[in-house]
């Protein structure tokens, strides 16, 4: 049973990696626009959005099992 759980974990990880690759590709090709990702209504940078992105990146980089 533990082997099945481990295999499903790897499948889920692979699925998430594929989704991340698709999103990254679409962002790089401009299909998903990135303008305004840190601002609201074209104004200055919103501290809340910047903090959200920084915290997300921090968790992704420094997450340990």
PDB file of N, CA and C in Angstrom:
ATOM      1  N   UNK A   1       0.813  -1.195   0.000  1.00  0.00           N
ATOM      2  CA  UNK A   1       0.000   0.000   0.000  1.00  0.00           C
ATOM      3  C   UNK A   1       0.862   1.267   0.000  1.00  0.00           C
ATOM      4  N   UNK A   2       1.986   1.212   0.705  1.00  0.00           N
ATOM      5  CA  UNK A   2       2.884   2.357   0.753  1.00  0.00           C
ATOM      6  C   UNK A   2       3.481   2.641  -0.622  1.00  0.00           C
ATOM      7  N   UNK A   3       3.729   1.582  -1.390  1.00  0.00           N
ATOM      8  CA  UNK A   3       4.279   1.769  -2.729  1.00  0.00           C
ATOM      9  C   UNK A   3       3.272   2.459  -3.641  1.00  0.00           C
ATOM     10  N   UNK A   4       2.003   2.123  -3.481  1.00  0.00           N
ATOM     11  CA  UNK A   4       0.961   2.757  -4.278  1.00  0.00           C
ATOM     12  C   UNK A   4       0.868   4.243  -3.943  1.00  0.00           C
ATOM     13  N   UNK A   5       0.921   4.557  -2.661  1.00  0.00           N
ATOM     14  CA  UNK A   5       0.868   5.958  -2.237  1.00  0.00           C
ATOM     15  C   UNK A   5       2.066   6.728  -2.768  1.00  0.00           C
ATOM     16  N   UNK A   6       3.226   6.117  -2.739  1.00  0.00           N
ATOM     17  CA  UNK A   6       4.432   6.776  -3.251  1.00  0.00           C
ATOM     18  C   UNK A   6       4.329   6.993  -4.761  1.00  0.00           C
ATOM     19  N   UNK A   7       3.824   5.993  -5.480  1.00  0.00           N
ATOM     20  CA  UNK A   7       3.663   6.119  -6.928  1.00  0.00           C
ATOM     21  C   UNK A   7       2.663   7.221  -7.266  1.00  0.00           C
ATOM     22  N   UNK A   8       1.561   7.290  -6.520  1.00  0.00           N
ATOM     23  CA  UNK A   8       0.579   8.340  -6.765  1.00  0.00           C
ATOM     24  C   UNK A   8       1.156   9.717  -6.446  1.00  0.00           C
ATOM     25  N   UNK A   9       2.004   9.780  -5.425  1.00  0.00           N
ATOM     26  CA  UNK A   9       2.668  11.039  -5.104  1.00  0.00           C
ATOM     27  C   UNK A   9       3.555  11.516  -6.244  1.00  0.00           C
ATOM     28  N   UNK A  10       4.297  10.593  -6.842  1.00  0.00           N
ATOM     29  CA  UNK A  10       5.147  10.963  -7.972  1.00  0.00           C
ATOM     30  C   UNK A  10       4.324  11.356  -9.192  1.00  0.00           C
ATOM     31  N   UNK A  11       3.192  10.685  -9.403  1.00  0.00           N
ATOM     32  CA  UNK A  11       2.313  11.057 -10.519  1.00  0.00           C
ATOM     33  C   UNK A  11       1.754  12.455 -10.322  1.00  0.00           C
ATOM     34  N   UNK A  12       1.351  12.775  -9.101  1.00  0.00           N
ATOM     35  CA  UNK A  12       0.850  14.105  -8.809  1.00  0.00           C
ATOM     36  C   UNK A  12       1.934  15.157  -9.015  1.00  0.00           C
ATOM     37  N   UNK A  13       3.129  14.862  -8.568  1.00  0.00           N
ATOM     38  CA  UNK A  13       4.247  15.777  -8.756  1.00  0.00           C
ATOM     39  C   UNK A  13       4.531  15.998 -10.242  1.00  0.00           C
ATOM     40  N   UNK A  14       4.482  14.938 -11.031  1.00  0.00           N
ATOM     41  CA  UNK A  14       4.702  15.060 -12.474  1.00  0.00           C
ATOM     42  C   UNK A  14       3.596  15.897 -13.117  1.00  0.00           C
ATOM     43  N   UNK A  15       2.355  15.678 -12.696  1.00  0.00           N
ATOM     44  CA  UNK A  15       1.226  16.444 -13.230  1.00  0.00           C
ATOM     45  C   UNK A  15       1.393  17.932 -12.935  1.00  0.00           C
ATOM     46  N   UNK A  16       1.764  18.257 -11.706  1.00  0.00           N
ATOM     47  CA  UNK A  16       1.969  19.651 -11.341  1.00  0.00           C
ATOM     48  C   UNK A  16       3.132  20.274 -12.109  1.00  0.00           C
ATOM     49  N   UNK A  17       4.181  19.497 -12.362  1.00  0.00           N
ATOM     50  CA  UNK A  17       5.318  19.988 -13.143  1.00  0.00           C
ATOM     51  C   UNK A  17       4.898  20.293 -14.579  1.00  0.00           C
ATOM     52  N   UNK A  18       4.059  19.439 -15.156  1.00  0.00           N
ATOM     53  CA  UNK A  18       3.569  19.678 -16.520  1.00  0.00           C
ATOM     54  C   UNK A  18       2.715  20.945 -16.561  1.00  0.00           C
ATOM     55  N   UNK A  19       1.830  21.109 -15.582  1.00  0.00           N
ATOM     56  CA  UNK A  19       1.007  22.316 -15.533  1.00  0.00           C
ATOM     57  C   UNK A  19       1.870  23.575 -15.387  1.00  0.00           C
ATOM     58  N   UNK A  20       2.889  23.508 -14.540  1.00  0.00           N
ATOM     59  CA  UNK A  20       3.788  24.651 -14.359  1.00  0.00           C
ATOM     60  C   UNK A  20       4.523  24.965 -15.665  1.00  0.00           C
ATOM     61  N   UNK A  21       4.937  23.940 -16.381  1.00  0.00           N
ATOM     62  CA  UNK A  21       5.631  24.146 -17.656  1.00  0.00           C
ATOM     63  C   UNK A  21       4.709  24.790 -18.686  1.00  0.00           C
ATOM     64  N   UNK A  22       3.457  24.360 -18.724  1.00  0.00           N
ATOM     65  CA  UNK A  22       2.492  24.948 -19.660  1.00  0.00           C
ATOM     66  C   UNK A  22       2.269  26.424 -19.330  1.00  0.00           C
ATOM     67  N   UNK A  23       2.082  26.724 -18.052  1.00  0.00           N
ATOM     68  CA  UNK A  23       1.888  28.121 -17.645  1.00  0.00           C
ATOM     69  C   UNK A  23       3.112  28.970 -17.976  1.00  0.00           C
ATOM     70  N   UNK A  24       4.292  28.462 -17.691  1.00  0.00           N
ATOM     71  CA  UNK A  24       5.519  29.207 -17.980  1.00  0.00           C
ATOM     72  C   UNK A  24       5.652  29.460 -19.482  1.00  0.00           C
ATOM     73  N   UNK A  25       5.369  28.460 -20.294  1.00  0.00           N
ATOM     74  CA  UNK A  25       5.457  28.609 -21.747  1.00  0.00           C
ATOM     75  C   UNK A  25       4.479  29.671 -22.243  1.00  0.00           C
ATOM     76  N   UNK A  26       3.251  29.624 -21.733  1.00  0.00           N
ATOM     77  CA  UNK A  26       2.246  30.599 -22.168  1.00  0.00           C
ATOM     78  C   UNK A  26       2.587  32.011 -21.706  1.00  0.00           C
ATOM     79  N   UNK A  27       3.202  32.137 -20.541  1.00  0.00           N
ATOM     80  CA  UNK A  27       3.622  33.461 -20.086  1.00  0.00           C
ATOM     81  C   UNK A  27       4.759  33.991 -20.956  1.00  0.00           C
ATOM     82  N   UNK A  28       5.706  33.119 -21.306  1.00  0.00           N
ATOM     83  CA  UNK A  28       6.849  33.538 -22.119  1.00  0.00           C
ATOM     84  C   UNK A  28       6.448  33.907 -23.545  1.00  0.00           C
ATOM     85  N   UNK A  29       5.421  33.253 -24.075  1.00  0.00           N
ATOM     86  CA  UNK A  29       4.976  33.548 -25.438  1.00  0.00           C
ATOM     87  C   UNK A  29       3.985  34.698 -25.490  1.00  0.00           C
ATOM     88  N   UNK A  30       3.553  35.196 -24.324  1.00  0.00           N
ATOM     89  CA  UNK A  30       2.630  36.316 -24.289  1.00  0.00           C
ATOM     90  C   UNK A  30       1.172  35.923 -24.348  1.00  0.00           C
ATOM     91  N   UNK A  31       0.884  34.634 -24.399  1.00  0.00           N
ATOM     92  CA  UNK A  31      -0.502  34.178 -24.423  1.00  0.00           C
ATOM     93  C   UNK A  31      -1.201  34.510 -23.100  1.00  0.00           C
ATOM     94  N   UNK A  32      -0.453  34.469 -22.008  1.00  0.00           N
ATOM     95  CA  UNK A  32      -0.942  34.922 -20.710  1.00  0.00           C
ATOM     96  C   UNK A  32      -0.225  36.241 -20.423  1.00  0.00           C
ATOM     97  N   UNK A  33      -0.957  37.356 -20.448  1.00  0.00           N
ATOM     98  CA  UNK A  33      -0.306  38.656 -20.241  1.00  0.00           C
ATOM     99  C   UNK A  33       0.145  38.839 -18.792  1.00  0.00           C
ATOM    100  N   UNK A  34       1.300  39.471 -18.618  1.00  0.00           N
ATOM    101  CA  UNK A  34       1.846  39.702 -17.289  1.00  0.00           C
ATOM    102  C   UNK A  34       1.769  41.162 -16.859  1.00  0.00           C
ATOM    103  N   UNK A  35       1.362  42.046 -17.773  1.00  0.00           N
ATOM    104  CA  UNK A  35       1.264  43.439 -17.367  1.00  0.00           C
ATOM    105  C   UNK A  35       0.141  43.583 -16.343  1.00  0.00           C
ATOM    106  N   UNK A  36       0.401  44.354 -15.339  1.00  0.00           N
ATOM    107  CA  UNK A  36      -0.579  44.562 -14.289  1.00  0.00           C
ATOM    108  C   UNK A  36      -0.571  43.504 -13.201  1.00  0.00           C
ATOM    109  N   UNK A  37       0.402  42.594 -13.246  1.00  0.00           N
ATOM    110  CA  UNK A  37       0.429  41.525 -12.247  1.00  0.00           C
ATOM    111  C   UNK A  37       0.758  42.070 -10.851  1.00  0.00           C
ATOM    112  N   UNK A  38       1.481  43.185 -10.810  1.00  0.00           N
ATOM    113  CA  UNK A  38       1.832  43.776  -9.517  1.00  0.00           C
ATOM    114  C   UNK A  38       1.078  45.068  -9.224  1.00  0.00           C
ATOM    115  N   UNK A  39       0.241  45.505 -10.143  1.00  0.00           N
ATOM    116  CA  UNK A  39      -0.443  46.785  -9.959  1.00  0.00           C
ATOM    117  C   UNK A  39      -1.952  46.612 -10.075  1.00  0.00           C
ATOM    118  N   UNK A  40      -2.654  47.638  -9.609  1.00  0.00           N
ATOM    119  CA  UNK A  40      -4.102  47.697  -9.771  1.00  0.00           C
ATOM    120  C   UNK A  40      -4.426  48.936 -10.596  1.00  0.00           C
ATOM    121  N   UNK A  41      -5.127  48.750 -11.676  1.00  0.00           N
ATOM    122  CA  UNK A  41      -5.544  49.863 -12.548  1.00  0.00           C
ATOM    123  C   UNK A  41      -4.358  50.663 -13.082  1.00  0.00           C
ATOM    124  N   UNK A  42      -3.224  50.008 -13.332  1.00  0.00           N
ATOM    125  CA  UNK A  42      -2.077  50.666 -13.927  1.00  0.00           C
ATOM    126  C   UNK A  42      -1.362  51.662 -13.038  1.00  0.00           C
ATOM    127  N   UNK A  43      -1.611  51.620 -11.751  1.00  0.00           N
ATOM    128  CA  UNK A  43      -0.988  52.571 -10.832  1.00  0.00           C
ATOM    129  C   UNK A  43       0.322  51.998 -10.299  1.00  0.00           C
ATOM    130  N   UNK A  44       0.772  52.530  -9.159  1.00  0.00           N
ATOM    131  CA  UNK A  44       2.004  52.061  -8.541  1.00  0.00           C
ATOM    132  C   UNK A  44       1.864  50.603  -8.083  1.00  0.00           C
ATOM    133  N   UNK A  45       2.989  50.025  -7.736  1.00  0.00           N
ATOM    134  CA  UNK A  45       3.000  48.632  -7.273  1.00  0.00           C
ATOM    135  C   UNK A  45       2.216  48.512  -5.973  1.00  0.00           C
ATOM    136  N   UNK A  46       1.329  47.523  -5.919  1.00  0.00           N
ATOM    137  CA  UNK A  46       0.576  47.242  -4.697  1.00  0.00           C
ATOM    138  C   UNK A  46       1.432  46.407  -3.759  1.00  0.00           C
ATOM    139  N   UNK A  47       1.646  46.861  -2.537  1.00  0.00           N
ATOM    140  CA  UNK A  47       2.463  46.102  -1.586  1.00  0.00           C
ATOM    141  C   UNK A  47       1.889  44.706  -1.312  1.00  0.00           C
ATOM    142  N   UNK A  48       0.566  44.583  -1.328  1.00  0.00           N
ATOM    143  CA  UNK A  48      -0.057  43.287  -1.057  1.00  0.00           C
ATOM    144  C   UNK A  48       0.271  42.268  -2.143  1.00  0.00           C
ATOM    145  N   UNK A  49       0.229  42.705  -3.376  1.00  0.00           N
ATOM    146  CA  UNK A  49       0.542  41.790  -4.480  1.00  0.00           C
ATOM    147  C   UNK A  49       2.018  41.411  -4.478  1.00  0.00           C
ATOM    148  N   UNK A  50       2.869  42.380  -4.232  1.00  0.00           N
ATOM    149  CA  UNK A  50       4.303  42.100  -4.170  1.00  0.00           C
ATOM    150  C   UNK A  50       4.605  41.123  -3.038  1.00  0.00           C
ATOM    151  N   UNK A  51       4.008  41.348  -1.879  1.00  0.00           N
ATOM    152  CA  UNK A  51       4.220  40.460  -0.743  1.00  0.00           C
ATOM    153  C   UNK A  51       3.729  39.056  -1.050  1.00  0.00           C
ATOM    154  N   UNK A  52       2.589  38.949  -1.691  1.00  0.00           N
ATOM    155  CA  UNK A  52       2.040  37.640  -2.042  1.00  0.00           C
ATOM    156  C   UNK A  52       2.976  36.864  -2.962  1.00  0.00           C
ATOM    157  N   UNK A  53       3.510  37.542  -3.956  1.00  0.00           N
ATOM    158  CA  UNK A  53       4.429  36.875  -4.888  1.00  0.00           C
ATOM    159  C   UNK A  53       5.728  36.490  -4.185  1.00  0.00           C
ATOM    160  N   UNK A  54       6.258  37.384  -3.354  1.00  0.00           N
ATOM    161  CA  UNK A  54       7.507  37.089  -2.647  1.00  0.00           C
ATOM    162  C   UNK A  54       7.347  35.936  -1.666  1.00  0.00           C
ATOM    163  N   UNK A  55       6.243  35.915  -0.934  1.00  0.00           N
ATOM    164  CA  UNK A  55       6.004  34.815   0.017  1.00  0.00           C
ATOM    165  C   UNK A  55       5.847  33.497  -0.724  1.00  0.00           C
ATOM    166  N   UNK A  56       5.125  33.511  -1.837  1.00  0.00           N
ATOM    167  CA  UNK A  56       4.958  32.292  -2.630  1.00  0.00           C
ATOM    168  C   UNK A  56       6.304  31.781  -3.121  1.00  0.00           C
ATOM    169  N   UNK A  57       7.140  32.657  -3.647  1.00  0.00           N
ATOM    170  CA  UNK A  57       8.466  32.252  -4.114  1.00  0.00           C
ATOM    171  C   UNK A  57       9.327  31.731  -2.959  1.00  0.00           C
ATOM    172  N   UNK A  58       9.268  32.404  -1.817  1.00  0.00           N
ATOM    173  CA  UNK A  58      10.034  31.979  -0.643  1.00  0.00           C
ATOM    174  C   UNK A  58       9.625  30.566  -0.216  1.00  0.00           C
ATOM    175  N   UNK A  59       8.327  30.312  -0.158  1.00  0.00           N
ATOM    176  CA  UNK A  59       7.843  28.985   0.245  1.00  0.00           C
ATOM    177  C   UNK A  59       8.265  27.929  -0.769  1.00  0.00           C
ATOM    178  N   UNK A  60       8.183  28.242  -2.047  1.00  0.00           N
ATOM    179  CA  UNK A  60       8.585  27.274  -3.063  1.00  0.00           C
ATOM    180  C   UNK A  60      10.070  26.955  -3.003  1.00  0.00           C
ATOM    181  N   UNK A  61      10.873  27.962  -2.723  1.00  0.00           N
ATOM    182  CA  UNK A  61      12.331  27.764  -2.697  1.00  0.00           C
ATOM    183  C   UNK A  61      12.786  27.055  -1.426  1.00  0.00           C
ATOM    184  N   UNK A  62      12.220  27.435  -0.298  1.00  0.00           N
ATOM    185  CA  UNK A  62      12.737  26.943   0.984  1.00  0.00           C
ATOM    186  C   UNK A  62      11.884  25.873   1.647  1.00  0.00           C
ATOM    187  N   UNK A  63      10.942  25.318   0.921  1.00  0.00           N
ATOM    188  CA  UNK A  63      10.089  24.261   1.470  1.00  0.00           C
ATOM    189  C   UNK A  63      10.886  22.963   1.593  1.00  0.00           C
ATOM    190  N   UNK A  64      10.869  22.389   2.779  1.00  0.00           N
ATOM    191  CA  UNK A  64      11.547  21.112   3.016  1.00  0.00           C
ATOM    192  C   UNK A  64      10.511  20.068   3.394  1.00  0.00           C
ATOM    193  N   UNK A  65      10.772  18.858   3.000  1.00  0.00           N
ATOM    194  CA  UNK A  65       9.819  17.776   3.309  1.00  0.00           C
ATOM    195  C   UNK A  65       9.856  17.456   4.756  1.00  0.00           C
TER     196      UNK A  65
END
